[in-house]
């Protein structure tokens, strides 16, 4: 085992030095943000930071020729040097990895999640034009993980020392980690649709009947092009999304049940037509706050952040379903391997496993405002009331459908919802229109 470790260490040293020669880069170790981008990676808005074993260093310090530098790509919200509690925790964790692995340095690069110069576009560009500038480990949200894997930009985990099966992970997290049956990511941050409500106004309804018996408006982005809320209620009724050949499909009875619920809520002014003006979670939250409505369907991550500055008490509950059984859709972030060199992927796998340690995730997810992917991490949250509510949601969460399927079915469901809430169509007619649009050549 010792000889094997020495062998890959020597190989990584050679590869690291070769990359520096090709890119004209001098290896450095610093805790100062804003290190110049590598040649071939000069994307506007890109920020580079090298993590050294000396926290707080304020000057560039040459690294010995035996140093292996792992490149880590992150979106700005996970910046380890942002000065936030979550950033400080991540920075400390990276320092610990360096201290436990002499001869290893970590260089962090910040890239936007979407758009020009974003994570996926940068992976495509570097893979084609500057392979030596590729990251070793990259944080990817589920939609980008799917795209990157299909494009051959990331690699499966072949040598994990931890299991992704069993009780160590929530079911949504196990699904988040895999494409088909292959593990392409190690989950570190989850998110799920939830109900938030003003505790001064009401208690949370658990099912549709309780919702319809009340008088409180439920705010949600009715014009969401991915129709996440509608899909959640539809899937909770055992609605199907694909036929035996894998083609998109909709179950007529399940969709009719959901749209009939929407119509009854609209007639009772619990789901007013003006909900169709909101397309995004941010727009729905703004309406919820500005108009002081009592209930909102939102993402857990937004709730956890916004509640810190909310002027009145907000609480959390599972979404009300037809039968009252908790069910929701989830997504999240994973660590993915992007280096084409097997030896570098082996060391990067060790880093990824180090970053999904239960004790670390317990602190980091609570500070960052994300759903833990592991039950043991949630067990260590210090807010016992919040912990119990989040646990119900985590247990009931299932991974949201693939992006390609959402792009196909989302707009169809959105149109049906808008038509019903605006009273431009009865539920049965809206269902038929949705099926016809889906089956149109």
Protein backbone atom coordinates (compact mmCIF):
# COMPACT_ATOMS: atom_id res chain seq x y z
CA UNK A 1 0.00 0.00 0.00
CA UNK A 2 2.85 2.38 0.88
CA UNK A 3 4.61 1.70 -2.44
CA UNK A 4 1.32 2.27 -4.29
CA UNK A 5 0.82 5.61 -2.57
CA UNK A 6 4.37 6.67 -3.34
CA UNK A 7 3.88 5.70 -6.99
CA UNK A 8 0.82 7.84 -7.58
CA UNK A 9 2.39 10.68 -5.59
CA UNK A 10 5.41 10.69 -7.91
CA UNK A 11 3.13 10.57 -10.95
CA UNK A 12 1.10 13.51 -9.70
CA UNK A 13 4.25 15.54 -9.08
CA UNK A 14 5.33 14.96 -12.66
CA UNK A 15 1.89 15.87 -14.01
CA UNK A 16 1.70 19.01 -11.88
CA UNK A 17 5.09 20.23 -13.05
CA UNK A 18 4.20 19.45 -16.66
CA UNK A 19 1.00 21.49 -16.38
CA UNK A 20 2.95 24.44 -15.01
CA UNK A 21 5.43 24.25 -17.88
CA UNK A 22 2.72 24.06 -20.54
CA UNK A 23 0.63 26.88 -19.06
CA UNK A 24 3.58 29.06 -18.14
CA UNK A 25 2.39 28.98 -14.52
CA UNK A 26 4.66 29.30 -11.51
CA UNK A 27 3.25 27.18 -8.65
CA UNK A 28 2.34 29.39 -5.70
CA UNK A 29 0.61 29.00 -2.36
CA UNK A 30 -1.30 31.89 -0.89
CA UNK A 31 -4.46 32.73 1.01
CA UNK A 32 -4.87 35.99 -0.89
CA UNK A 33 -7.93 36.04 -3.17
CA UNK A 34 -7.48 37.25 -6.71
CA UNK A 35 -4.55 35.14 -7.91
CA UNK A 36 -4.27 35.67 -11.71
CA UNK A 37 -6.11 33.09 -13.80
CA UNK A 38 -4.16 30.40 -15.58
CA UNK A 39 -3.36 30.89 -19.24
CA UNK A 40 -6.18 29.55 -21.35
CA UNK A 41 -8.66 30.19 -18.50
CA UNK A 42 -8.88 33.97 -18.50
CA UNK A 43 -12.65 34.16 -18.14
CA UNK A 44 -14.12 37.47 -16.99
CA UNK A 45 -15.35 37.18 -13.44
CA UNK A 46 -13.15 34.19 -12.63
CA UNK A 47 -11.48 34.45 -9.25
CA UNK A 48 -8.62 32.25 -8.11
CA UNK A 49 -7.42 31.56 -4.57
CA UNK A 50 -4.72 29.15 -3.46
CA UNK A 51 -5.17 27.57 -0.06
CA UNK A 52 -1.93 27.04 1.83
CA UNK A 53 -1.19 25.26 5.07
CA UNK A 54 -0.62 28.64 6.71
CA UNK A 55 -3.98 30.33 7.31
CA UNK A 56 -3.97 34.11 6.97
CA UNK A 57 -0.84 34.30 4.82
CA UNK A 58 -0.69 37.68 3.09
CA UNK A 59 2.08 37.15 0.59
CA UNK A 60 2.91 34.75 -2.18
CA UNK A 61 5.17 31.97 -1.00
CA UNK A 62 6.92 29.59 -3.41
CA UNK A 63 5.87 25.98 -3.11
CA UNK A 64 8.49 23.24 -3.18
CA UNK A 65 8.84 21.21 -6.34
CA UNK A 66 7.25 18.29 -4.50
CA UNK A 67 3.89 20.05 -4.15
CA UNK A 68 0.82 18.73 -5.95
CA UNK A 69 -1.82 21.41 -6.54
CA UNK A 70 -5.43 20.24 -6.75
CA UNK A 71 -7.70 22.65 -8.59
CA UNK A 72 -11.13 23.13 -7.05
CA UNK A 73 -13.91 24.97 -8.94
CA UNK A 74 -16.75 26.50 -6.95
CA UNK A 75 -19.59 28.98 -7.51
CA UNK A 76 -19.24 32.26 -5.57
CA UNK A 77 -21.82 31.24 -2.93
CA UNK A 78 -19.41 28.54 -1.71
CA UNK A 79 -16.34 30.81 -1.61
CA UNK A 80 -14.15 29.59 1.29
CA UNK A 81 -12.76 33.11 1.72
CA UNK A 82 -16.04 35.02 1.63
CA UNK A 83 -15.81 35.77 5.34
CA UNK A 84 -19.12 34.03 6.05
CA UNK A 85 -19.57 31.32 8.70
CA UNK A 86 -20.03 28.70 5.97
CA UNK A 87 -17.01 30.01 4.05
CA UNK A 88 -14.85 29.91 7.15
CA UNK A 89 -15.88 26.32 7.85
CA UNK A 90 -15.00 25.24 4.31
CA UNK A 91 -11.70 27.10 4.42
CA UNK A 92 -10.77 25.39 7.68
CA UNK A 93 -11.72 22.01 6.26
CA UNK A 94 -9.51 22.53 3.21
CA UNK A 95 -6.65 23.56 5.49
CA UNK A 96 -7.12 20.34 7.46
CA UNK A 97 -6.88 18.26 4.29
CA UNK A 98 -3.64 19.99 3.36
CA UNK A 99 -2.19 19.44 6.83
CA UNK A 100 -3.11 15.76 6.71
CA UNK A 101 -1.63 15.36 3.22
CA UNK A 102 1.88 16.89 3.13
CA UNK A 103 2.91 17.91 -0.36
CA UNK A 104 -0.64 18.84 -1.41
CA UNK A 105 -1.93 22.35 -2.09
CA UNK A 106 -5.43 23.40 -3.16
CA UNK A 107 -6.22 26.15 -5.61
CA UNK A 108 -9.81 27.43 -5.57
CA UNK A 109 -11.37 29.07 -8.60
CA UNK A 110 -14.75 30.78 -8.45
CA UNK A 111 -17.04 30.55 -11.46
CA UNK A 112 -20.64 31.50 -12.04
CA UNK A 113 -23.11 28.63 -11.97
CA UNK A 114 -24.69 29.53 -15.31
CA UNK A 115 -23.93 31.63 -18.39
CA UNK A 116 -20.77 32.70 -20.15
CA UNK A 117 -17.71 31.60 -18.23
CA UNK A 118 -19.86 29.46 -15.95
CA UNK A 119 -19.01 26.03 -14.60
CA UNK A 120 -20.28 23.94 -17.50
CA UNK A 121 -19.07 26.26 -20.26
CA UNK A 122 -15.63 26.45 -18.65
CA UNK A 123 -15.44 22.66 -18.46
CA UNK A 124 -16.30 22.43 -22.17
CA UNK A 125 -13.75 25.10 -23.11
CA UNK A 126 -10.92 23.73 -20.98
CA UNK A 127 -11.57 20.16 -22.14
CA UNK A 128 -11.23 21.23 -25.78
CA UNK A 129 -8.50 23.86 -25.62
CA UNK A 130 -6.59 23.56 -22.33
CA UNK A 131 -6.94 20.11 -20.72
CA UNK A 132 -4.12 20.87 -18.28
CA UNK A 133 -6.24 23.69 -16.84
CA UNK A 134 -9.18 21.41 -16.02
CA UNK A 135 -10.22 21.24 -12.37
CA UNK A 136 -9.62 18.13 -10.34
CA UNK A 137 -12.80 18.57 -8.35
CA UNK A 138 -15.78 20.73 -9.27
CA UNK A 139 -19.03 21.54 -7.44
CA UNK A 140 -21.98 20.96 -9.76
CA UNK A 141 -25.74 21.31 -9.23
CA UNK A 142 -27.74 18.31 -10.44
CA UNK A 143 -28.73 19.76 -13.86
CA UNK A 144 -25.10 20.56 -14.69
CA UNK A 145 -23.96 17.18 -13.37
CA UNK A 146 -26.32 15.52 -15.85
CA UNK A 147 -25.05 17.65 -18.75
CA UNK A 148 -21.38 17.25 -17.83
CA UNK A 149 -21.69 13.47 -17.59
CA UNK A 150 -23.52 13.19 -20.92
CA UNK A 151 -20.81 15.32 -22.57
CA UNK A 152 -18.05 13.16 -21.10
CA UNK A 153 -16.64 16.06 -19.06
CA UNK A 154 -16.64 14.30 -15.69
CA UNK A 155 -15.74 10.81 -14.53
CA UNK A 156 -17.48 8.27 -12.29
CA UNK A 157 -16.21 7.47 -8.82
CA UNK A 158 -14.44 4.13 -9.17
CA UNK A 159 -12.49 3.92 -5.89
CA UNK A 160 -14.78 5.23 -3.14
CA UNK A 161 -13.88 4.13 0.37
CA UNK A 162 -17.33 5.14 1.63
CA UNK A 163 -20.62 3.56 0.58
CA UNK A 164 -23.41 5.53 -1.05
CA UNK A 165 -25.90 2.84 -0.08
CA UNK A 166 -27.58 2.00 3.21
CA UNK A 167 -28.73 4.34 5.95
CA UNK A 168 -25.78 6.71 5.68
CA UNK A 169 -27.55 8.84 3.04
CA UNK A 170 -31.07 10.09 2.48
CA UNK A 171 -32.80 8.51 -0.51
CA UNK A 172 -32.84 11.80 -2.45
CA UNK A 173 -29.06 12.07 -1.94
CA UNK A 174 -28.43 8.55 -3.24
CA UNK A 175 -30.44 9.46 -6.32
CA UNK A 176 -28.59 12.77 -6.58
CA UNK A 177 -25.24 10.98 -6.66
CA UNK A 178 -26.08 8.62 -9.53
CA UNK A 179 -26.83 8.79 -13.23
CA UNK A 180 -28.56 5.53 -13.97
CA UNK A 181 -26.63 3.26 -11.60
CA UNK A 182 -23.24 4.98 -11.89
CA UNK A 183 -22.00 7.35 -9.16
CA UNK A 184 -20.89 10.62 -10.76
CA UNK A 185 -21.13 12.87 -7.71
CA UNK A 186 -20.70 12.97 -3.95
CA UNK A 187 -23.62 15.02 -2.52
CA UNK A 188 -22.77 17.81 -0.09
CA UNK A 189 -25.76 20.20 -0.25
CA UNK A 190 -29.42 19.44 -0.82
CA UNK A 191 -32.55 21.48 -1.43
CA UNK A 192 -36.27 20.66 -1.45
CA UNK A 193 -39.65 22.29 -1.97
CA UNK A 194 -41.32 23.16 1.34
CA UNK A 195 -44.20 25.12 2.80
CA UNK A 196 -43.34 28.17 4.89
CA UNK A 197 -45.97 30.05 6.85
CA UNK A 198 -46.40 32.87 9.33
CA UNK A 199 -46.90 31.32 12.74
CA UNK A 200 -48.80 34.40 13.92
CA UNK A 201 -51.48 33.80 11.29
CA UNK A 202 -52.18 30.07 11.17
CA UNK A 203 -50.97 26.51 11.51
CA UNK A 204 -49.85 24.61 8.44
CA UNK A 205 -52.44 22.51 6.55
CA UNK A 206 -51.39 18.89 6.09
CA UNK A 207 -53.69 17.90 3.22
CA UNK A 208 -55.83 19.39 0.45
CA UNK A 209 -59.07 19.20 2.42
CA UNK A 210 -57.58 21.15 5.31
CA UNK A 211 -56.19 23.67 2.84
CA UNK A 212 -59.57 24.11 1.12
CA UNK A 213 -61.36 24.45 4.46
CA UNK A 214 -59.24 27.47 5.40
CA UNK A 215 -59.16 31.05 4.24
CA UNK A 216 -55.44 31.57 3.65
CA UNK A 217 -53.89 32.28 0.26
CA UNK A 218 -51.10 29.92 -0.79
CA UNK A 219 -48.47 31.73 -2.85
CA UNK A 220 -46.44 29.77 -5.40
CA UNK A 221 -44.87 30.56 -8.81
CA UNK A 222 -47.77 29.32 -10.95
CA UNK A 223 -45.98 30.28 -14.18
CA UNK A 224 -42.82 28.35 -13.32
CA UNK A 225 -41.69 26.87 -16.69
CA UNK A 226 -40.54 23.71 -14.88
CA UNK A 227 -43.80 23.46 -12.87
CA UNK A 228 -41.98 22.05 -9.83
CA UNK A 229 -44.92 22.45 -7.41
CA UNK A 230 -47.43 20.95 -9.82
CA UNK A 231 -45.06 18.08 -10.60
CA UNK A 232 -44.66 17.40 -6.89
CA UNK A 233 -48.41 17.10 -6.34
CA UNK A 234 -48.74 15.05 -9.54
CA UNK A 235 -46.02 12.58 -8.54
CA UNK A 236 -47.47 12.31 -5.03
CA UNK A 237 -50.58 10.92 -6.76
CA UNK A 238 -48.49 8.24 -8.51
CA UNK A 239 -48.47 10.13 -11.79
CA UNK A 240 -46.01 8.79 -14.37
CA UNK A 241 -43.55 10.84 -16.42
CA UNK A 242 -42.27 8.26 -18.92
CA UNK A 243 -43.74 5.28 -20.73
CA UNK A 244 -42.11 1.88 -21.19
CA UNK A 245 -40.00 3.25 -24.07
CA UNK A 246 -38.76 6.17 -21.99
CA UNK A 247 -40.88 8.75 -23.83
CA UNK A 248 -42.46 11.64 -21.87
CA UNK A 249 -46.00 10.89 -20.74
CA UNK A 250 -48.67 12.17 -18.33
CA UNK A 251 -51.15 10.14 -16.32
CA UNK A 252 -54.57 11.62 -17.05
CA UNK A 253 -56.22 10.78 -13.71
CA UNK A 254 -53.36 12.17 -11.60
CA UNK A 255 -53.14 15.42 -13.57
CA UNK A 256 -56.92 15.89 -13.49
CA UNK A 257 -56.88 15.47 -9.70
CA UNK A 258 -54.24 18.20 -9.29
CA UNK A 259 -55.93 20.65 -11.66
CA UNK A 260 -59.30 20.03 -10.01
CA UNK A 261 -57.68 20.91 -6.68
CA UNK A 262 -56.31 24.11 -8.22
CA UNK A 263 -59.73 25.04 -9.56
CA UNK A 264 -61.43 24.56 -6.20
CA UNK A 265 -58.70 26.60 -4.50
CA UNK A 266 -59.03 29.34 -7.13
CA UNK A 267 -62.82 29.54 -6.68
CA UNK A 268 -62.27 29.93 -2.93
CA UNK A 269 -59.67 32.65 -3.59
CA UNK A 270 -56.97 30.52 -1.99
CA UNK A 271 -55.04 30.39 -5.29
CA UNK A 272 -55.92 33.70 -7.01
CA UNK A 273 -55.31 34.24 -10.73
CA UNK A 274 -52.53 36.73 -10.01
CA UNK A 275 -50.30 33.82 -8.95
CA UNK A 276 -49.73 33.34 -12.68
CA UNK A 277 -47.62 36.53 -12.69
CA UNK A 278 -44.81 34.72 -10.83
CA UNK A 279 -42.38 32.54 -12.78
CA UNK A 280 -39.60 32.15 -10.23
CA UNK A 281 -39.11 31.33 -6.59
CA UNK A 282 -37.65 34.81 -6.01
CA UNK A 283 -40.74 36.51 -7.47
CA UNK A 284 -43.06 34.39 -5.33
CA UNK A 285 -41.05 35.20 -2.19
CA UNK A 286 -41.23 38.92 -2.98
CA UNK A 287 -45.02 38.69 -3.30
CA UNK A 288 -45.20 36.73 -0.04
CA UNK A 289 -43.17 39.37 1.79
CA UNK A 290 -44.60 42.50 0.17
CA UNK A 291 -48.25 41.54 0.52
CA UNK A 292 -47.76 39.71 3.84
CA UNK A 293 -49.57 36.59 2.67
CA UNK A 294 -49.74 33.73 5.18
CA UNK A 295 -48.29 30.79 3.18
CA UNK A 296 -45.72 30.18 0.48
CA UNK A 297 -44.28 27.24 -1.47
CA UNK A 298 -40.54 27.84 -1.69
CA UNK A 299 -37.17 26.08 -1.63
CA UNK A 300 -35.74 25.13 1.74
CA UNK A 301 -32.48 26.97 1.03
CA UNK A 302 -34.33 30.26 0.57
CA UNK A 303 -36.36 29.72 3.73
CA UNK A 304 -33.27 28.96 5.81
CA UNK A 305 -31.54 32.14 4.62
CA UNK A 306 -34.55 34.48 4.70
CA UNK A 307 -35.78 33.41 8.15
CA UNK A 308 -32.64 34.86 9.69
CA UNK A 309 -33.78 38.38 8.83
CA UNK A 310 -37.57 37.87 8.72
CA UNK A 311 -39.37 40.58 10.74
CA UNK A 312 -41.88 38.03 12.10
CA UNK A 313 -41.71 34.38 12.97
CA UNK A 314 -41.78 31.96 10.05
CA UNK A 315 -42.06 28.23 10.34
CA UNK A 316 -41.66 25.26 8.07
CA UNK A 317 -43.80 22.29 7.07
CA UNK A 318 -44.04 19.60 4.39
CA UNK A 319 -46.18 20.47 1.39
CA UNK A 320 -49.87 19.64 1.85
CA UNK A 321 -50.68 16.62 -0.33
CA UNK A 322 -53.99 15.04 -1.25
CA UNK A 323 -53.71 12.27 1.38
CA UNK A 324 -51.56 14.14 3.89
CA UNK A 325 -48.51 11.91 3.39
CA UNK A 326 -45.36 14.00 3.13
CA UNK A 327 -43.76 14.08 -0.32
CA UNK A 328 -41.54 16.60 -2.05
CA UNK A 329 -39.02 17.03 -4.85
CA UNK A 330 -35.37 17.72 -4.15
CA UNK A 331 -32.19 18.65 -5.93
CA UNK A 332 -28.72 19.64 -4.78
CA UNK A 333 -24.99 19.96 -5.30
CA UNK A 334 -22.33 17.27 -5.65
CA UNK A 335 -18.56 17.07 -5.94
CA UNK A 336 -17.58 15.76 -9.39
CA UNK A 337 -14.26 14.51 -10.79
CA UNK A 338 -13.02 16.33 -13.90
CA UNK A 339 -9.35 15.41 -14.29
CA UNK A 340 -8.56 13.01 -17.16
CA UNK A 341 -5.64 11.58 -15.13
CA UNK A 342 -6.59 8.53 -13.00
CA UNK A 343 -3.92 9.29 -10.39
CA UNK A 344 -5.23 12.82 -9.84
CA UNK A 345 -8.78 11.48 -9.63
CA UNK A 346 -7.67 9.13 -6.85
CA UNK A 347 -6.41 12.03 -4.74
CA UNK A 348 -9.45 14.15 -5.66
CA UNK A 349 -11.70 11.32 -4.49
CA UNK A 350 -9.99 11.48 -1.12
CA UNK A 351 -10.67 15.22 -0.96
CA UNK A 352 -14.32 14.78 -1.97
CA UNK A 353 -14.82 12.13 0.72
CA UNK A 354 -13.15 14.43 3.23
CA UNK A 355 -15.64 17.18 2.30
CA UNK A 356 -18.73 14.98 2.81
CA UNK A 357 -17.75 13.84 6.28
CA UNK A 358 -20.85 13.77 8.50
CA UNK A 359 -19.43 15.96 11.26
CA UNK A 360 -18.26 18.61 8.80
CA UNK A 361 -21.55 18.60 6.86
CA UNK A 362 -23.47 18.99 10.12
CA UNK A 363 -21.79 22.34 10.73
CA UNK A 364 -21.52 23.49 7.13
CA UNK A 365 -25.09 22.76 5.95
CA UNK A 366 -26.56 24.52 8.98
CA UNK A 367 -24.35 27.56 8.40
CA UNK A 368 -24.87 27.63 4.62
CA UNK A 369 -28.61 26.92 4.73
CA UNK A 370 -28.90 23.63 2.85
CA UNK A 371 -30.57 20.28 3.35
CA UNK A 372 -28.01 17.76 4.62
CA UNK A 373 -27.55 14.72 2.36
CA UNK A 374 -26.76 12.49 5.35
CA UNK A 375 -29.00 11.75 8.37
CA UNK A 376 -26.08 11.84 10.81
CA UNK A 377 -25.26 15.38 9.66
CA UNK A 378 -28.81 16.57 10.37
CA UNK A 379 -28.77 14.84 13.77
CA UNK A 380 -26.07 17.27 14.86
CA UNK A 381 -27.97 20.48 14.00
CA UNK A 382 -28.21 22.60 17.12
CA UNK A 383 -31.78 23.88 16.55
CA UNK A 384 -33.85 20.89 17.67
CA UNK A 385 -37.20 22.28 16.47
CA UNK A 386 -35.86 23.07 13.01
CA UNK A 387 -34.05 19.74 12.92
CA UNK A 388 -37.28 17.80 13.44
CA UNK A 389 -39.09 19.70 10.68
CA UNK A 390 -36.23 19.33 8.20
CA UNK A 391 -35.96 15.62 8.98
CA UNK A 392 -39.57 15.01 7.90
CA UNK A 393 -38.88 16.81 4.65
CA UNK A 394 -35.56 15.04 4.01
CA UNK A 395 -37.09 11.60 4.53
CA UNK A 396 -39.95 12.35 2.12
CA UNK A 397 -37.80 13.94 -0.59
CA UNK A 398 -37.17 12.35 -3.97
CA UNK A 399 -34.92 13.63 -6.74
CA UNK A 400 -36.54 15.99 -9.25
CA UNK A 401 -36.91 14.60 -12.80
CA UNK A 402 -34.00 15.02 -15.24
CA UNK A 403 -33.63 18.41 -16.87
CA UNK A 404 -34.46 17.05 -20.32
CA UNK A 405 -37.77 15.69 -19.02
CA UNK A 406 -38.54 18.92 -17.17
CA UNK A 407 -37.92 20.90 -20.35
CA UNK A 408 -40.41 18.69 -22.19
CA UNK A 409 -43.20 18.44 -19.61
CA UNK A 410 -42.75 21.67 -17.63
CA UNK A 411 -44.14 24.14 -20.19
CA UNK A 412 -47.13 21.87 -20.87
CA UNK A 413 -48.01 21.68 -17.18
CA UNK A 414 -47.39 25.40 -16.73
CA UNK A 415 -49.90 26.23 -19.47
CA UNK A 416 -52.51 23.92 -17.93
CA UNK A 417 -52.07 25.53 -14.51
CA UNK A 418 -52.28 29.06 -15.89
CA UNK A 419 -55.42 28.23 -17.89
CA UNK A 420 -57.18 26.77 -14.86
CA UNK A 421 -56.20 29.51 -12.40
CA UNK A 422 -57.26 32.20 -14.88
CA UNK A 423 -60.56 30.34 -15.41
CA UNK A 424 -59.79 30.12 -19.12
CA UNK A 425 -60.21 26.36 -19.09
CA UNK A 426 -61.90 23.70 -16.96
CA UNK A 427 -59.61 21.03 -15.48
CA UNK A 428 -60.78 18.27 -17.83
CA UNK A 429 -60.26 20.44 -20.90
CA UNK A 430 -56.85 21.55 -19.67
CA UNK A 431 -55.82 17.91 -19.22
CA UNK A 432 -56.90 17.03 -22.74
CA UNK A 433 -55.07 20.03 -24.15
CA UNK A 434 -51.93 18.98 -22.28
CA UNK A 435 -52.13 15.41 -23.58
CA UNK A 436 -52.69 16.60 -27.14
CA UNK A 437 -49.72 18.95 -26.96
CA UNK A 438 -47.54 16.20 -25.51
CA UNK A 439 -48.53 13.73 -28.25
CA UNK A 440 -48.37 16.22 -31.10
CA UNK A 441 -45.86 15.24 -33.83
